[in-house]
Amino acid sequence: MTTTRTVYAAAAATGIKPGTLRVRLHRGTLTRHGHDHQGRALVGLHELQPAPTVNVA
């Protein structure tokens, strides 16, 4: 089963900025999996890679 979240919840889970996710939805590189009851777009977490962490020495 696919785990879907709103753009802001997906951003919090992956570390990717919400604006980046919205742009990817608009460009079609990220699949929209419907809307929640408040009309917010749902995205699948399986399509997202967590943002890389930067180690500063």
Protein backbone atom coordinates (compact mmCIF):
# COMPACT_ATOMS: atom_id res chain seq x y z
CA MET A 1 0.00 0.00 0.00
CA THR A 2 1.23 3.46 -0.89
CA THR A 3 1.75 5.98 1.88
CA THR A 4 0.38 9.33 0.74
CA ARG A 5 0.83 12.64 2.51
CA THR A 6 0.05 16.28 1.86
CA VAL A 7 2.85 18.39 0.41
CA TYR A 8 3.73 19.89 3.80
CA ALA A 9 3.69 16.52 5.59
CA ALA A 10 5.82 14.98 2.82
CA ALA A 11 8.24 17.90 3.11
CA ALA A 12 8.55 17.36 6.85
CA ALA A 13 9.11 13.62 6.37
CA THR A 14 11.77 13.96 3.68
CA GLY A 15 13.44 17.32 4.27
CA ILE A 16 12.54 18.54 0.77
CA LYS A 17 11.12 22.08 0.66
CA PRO A 18 7.34 22.29 0.07
CA GLY A 19 7.90 24.70 -2.83
CA THR A 20 10.12 22.16 -4.55
CA LEU A 21 7.41 19.51 -4.22
CA ARG A 22 4.78 21.88 -5.63
CA VAL A 23 7.01 22.69 -8.61
CA ARG A 24 7.58 18.97 -9.25
CA LEU A 25 3.80 18.41 -9.14
CA HIS A 26 3.26 21.23 -11.61
CA ARG A 27 5.97 19.94 -13.98
CA GLY A 28 4.65 16.40 -13.81
CA THR A 29 7.77 14.79 -12.34
CA LEU A 30 5.83 13.88 -9.20
CA THR A 31 2.49 12.07 -9.29
CA ARG A 32 -0.55 13.60 -7.62
CA HIS A 33 -2.52 10.91 -5.78
CA GLY A 34 -5.76 12.82 -5.39
CA HIS A 35 -6.71 15.36 -2.72
CA ASP A 36 -7.56 15.22 0.96
CA HIS A 37 -10.89 16.44 2.35
CA GLN A 38 -9.58 20.03 2.44
CA GLY A 39 -8.48 20.01 -1.21
CA ARG A 40 -4.73 19.67 -0.60
CA ALA A 41 -2.74 17.57 -3.07
CA LEU A 42 -1.52 14.18 -1.89
CA VAL A 43 1.87 12.79 -2.93
CA GLY A 44 3.33 9.32 -2.46
CA LEU A 45 6.30 9.10 -0.13
CA HIS A 46 7.65 6.19 -2.19
CA GLU A 47 8.42 8.67 -5.02
CA LEU A 48 10.57 10.92 -2.85
CA GLN A 49 14.18 10.55 -1.80
CA PRO A 50 15.13 12.14 1.53
CA ALA A 51 17.21 15.27 1.17
CA PRO A 52 20.91 14.51 1.57
CA THR A 53 22.55 15.55 4.79
CA VAL A 54 25.63 17.72 4.61
CA ASN A 55 28.47 16.96 6.99
CA VAL A 56 30.54 20.03 7.70
CA ALA A 57 33.82 19.32 9.40
